[in-house]
Amino acid sequence: MELKWEYDPIIKVKIENGYTLISANRDGLLSLAEQLSELAKQEKGTHIHYDEYNSLEDGSDELIIEKTGEE
């Protein structure tokens, strides 16, 4: 699966006090929307792994989004 990115995405993920906060600029939100739409077309078990080394801002917590077998 090819992940498409907008021109200048900024995305940060923080896990605090039992909740997950995803903060993003316009390009970050559009990138996530496109990637989640593509993930929905994939097979069960396919996932996208985001972390500060490949797509998130420094200091972000890791985020993994996986497609289940449920429709």
C-alpha atoms as a PDB file:
ATOM      1  CA  MET A   1       0.000   0.000   0.000  1.00  0.00           C
ATOM      2  CA  GLU A   2       1.399   3.360  -1.000  1.00  0.00           C
ATOM      3  CA  LEU A   3       0.910   6.155   1.517  1.00  0.00           C
ATOM      4  CA  LYS A   4       0.235   9.513  -0.114  1.00  0.00           C
ATOM      5  CA  TRP A   5       1.213  12.702   1.669  1.00  0.00           C
ATOM      6  CA  GLU A   6       0.177  16.289   1.078  1.00  0.00           C
ATOM      7  CA  TYR A   7       2.891  18.926   0.625  1.00  0.00           C
ATOM      8  CA  ASP A   8       3.607  19.918   4.248  1.00  0.00           C
ATOM      9  CA  PRO A   9       1.904  17.599   6.762  1.00  0.00           C
ATOM     10  CA  ILE A  10       2.392  18.178  10.472  1.00  0.00           C
ATOM     11  CA  ILE A  11       0.963  15.471  12.741  1.00  0.00           C
ATOM     12  CA  LYS A  12       1.527  14.893  16.449  1.00  0.00           C
ATOM     13  CA  VAL A  13       0.132  12.083  18.617  1.00  0.00           C
ATOM     14  CA  LYS A  14       0.085  12.197  22.413  1.00  0.00           C
ATOM     15  CA  ILE A  15      -1.353   9.661  24.828  1.00  0.00           C
ATOM     16  CA  GLU A  16      -2.295  11.287  28.131  1.00  0.00           C
ATOM     17  CA  ASN A  17      -4.575  10.379  31.023  1.00  0.00           C
ATOM     18  CA  GLY A  18      -6.342   7.585  29.169  1.00  0.00           C
ATOM     19  CA  TYR A  19      -7.005   9.383  25.873  1.00  0.00           C
ATOM     20  CA  THR A  20      -5.202   9.840  22.569  1.00  0.00           C
ATOM     21  CA  LEU A  21      -4.860  13.309  21.051  1.00  0.00           C
ATOM     22  CA  ILE A  22      -4.052  13.617  17.344  1.00  0.00           C
ATOM     23  CA  SER A  23      -3.142  17.184  16.363  1.00  0.00           C
ATOM     24  CA  ALA A  24      -2.537  18.059  12.733  1.00  0.00           C
ATOM     25  CA  ASN A  25      -2.456  20.943  10.298  1.00  0.00           C
ATOM     26  CA  ARG A  26      -4.562  20.961   7.113  1.00  0.00           C
ATOM     27  CA  ASP A  27      -2.053  18.931   5.083  1.00  0.00           C
ATOM     28  CA  GLY A  28      -1.687  16.457   7.931  1.00  0.00           C
ATOM     29  CA  LEU A  29      -5.443  15.937   8.200  1.00  0.00           C
ATOM     30  CA  LEU A  30      -5.824  15.528   4.436  1.00  0.00           C
ATOM     31  CA  SER A  31      -2.947  13.026   4.396  1.00  0.00           C
ATOM     32  CA  LEU A  32      -4.502  10.984   7.214  1.00  0.00           C
ATOM     33  CA  ALA A  33      -7.904  11.033   5.519  1.00  0.00           C
ATOM     34  CA  GLU A  34      -6.451   9.749   2.242  1.00  0.00           C
ATOM     35  CA  GLN A  35      -4.436   7.059   4.018  1.00  0.00           C
ATOM     36  CA  LEU A  36      -7.405   5.843   6.079  1.00  0.00           C
ATOM     37  CA  SER A  37      -9.523   5.696   2.930  1.00  0.00           C
ATOM     38  CA  GLU A  38      -6.843   3.554   1.278  1.00  0.00           C
ATOM     39  CA  LEU A  39      -6.543   1.349   4.382  1.00  0.00           C
ATOM     40  CA  ALA A  40     -10.288   0.661   4.217  1.00  0.00           C
ATOM     41  CA  LYS A  41      -9.752  -0.980   0.789  1.00  0.00           C
ATOM     42  CA  GLN A  42      -7.062  -3.361   2.047  1.00  0.00           C
ATOM     43  CA  GLU A  43      -7.240  -6.880   3.479  1.00  0.00           C
ATOM     44  CA  LYS A  44      -7.950  -7.676   7.131  1.00  0.00           C
ATOM     45  CA  GLY A  45      -4.839  -7.205   9.270  1.00  0.00           C
ATOM     46  CA  THR A  46      -3.302  -4.520   7.078  1.00  0.00           C
ATOM     47  CA  HIS A  47      -2.074  -1.652   9.206  1.00  0.00           C
ATOM     48  CA  ILE A  48      -0.359   1.708   9.091  1.00  0.00           C
ATOM     49  CA  HIS A  49       2.330   2.423  11.650  1.00  0.00           C
ATOM     50  CA  TYR A  50       3.051   6.064  12.440  1.00  0.00           C
ATOM     51  CA  ASP A  51       5.916   7.220  14.659  1.00  0.00           C
ATOM     52  CA  GLU A  52       8.281  10.148  15.037  1.00  0.00           C
ATOM     53  CA  TYR A  53      10.879   8.438  12.828  1.00  0.00           C
ATOM     54  CA  ASN A  54       8.741   8.175   9.697  1.00  0.00           C
ATOM     55  CA  SER A  55       5.803  10.572   9.779  1.00  0.00           C
ATOM     56  CA  LEU A  56       5.009  12.211  13.134  1.00  0.00           C
ATOM     57  CA  GLU A  57       6.496  15.224  14.853  1.00  0.00           C
ATOM     58  CA  ASP A  58       9.307  14.755  17.379  1.00  0.00           C
ATOM     59  CA  GLY A  59       8.040  13.704  20.781  1.00  0.00           C
ATOM     60  CA  SER A  60       4.959  11.973  19.384  1.00  0.00           C
ATOM     61  CA  ASP A  61       3.715   8.658  20.703  1.00  0.00           C
ATOM     62  CA  GLU A  62       3.400   5.778  18.237  1.00  0.00           C
ATOM     63  CA  LEU A  63       0.088   5.182  16.488  1.00  0.00           C
ATOM     64  CA  ILE A  64      -0.922   1.970  14.716  1.00  0.00           C
ATOM     65  CA  ILE A  65      -4.203   1.763  12.831  1.00  0.00           C
ATOM     66  CA  GLU A  66      -5.303  -1.690  11.673  1.00  0.00           C
ATOM     67  CA  LYS A  67      -8.147  -2.890   9.487  1.00  0.00           C
ATOM     68  CA  THR A  68     -10.265  -5.603  11.063  1.00  0.00           C
ATOM     69  CA  GLY A  69     -12.403  -8.150   9.242  1.00  0.00           C
ATOM     70  CA  GLU A  70     -15.576  -6.318  10.183  1.00  0.00           C
ATOM     71  CA  GLU A  71     -17.315  -4.324   7.457  1.00  0.00           C
END
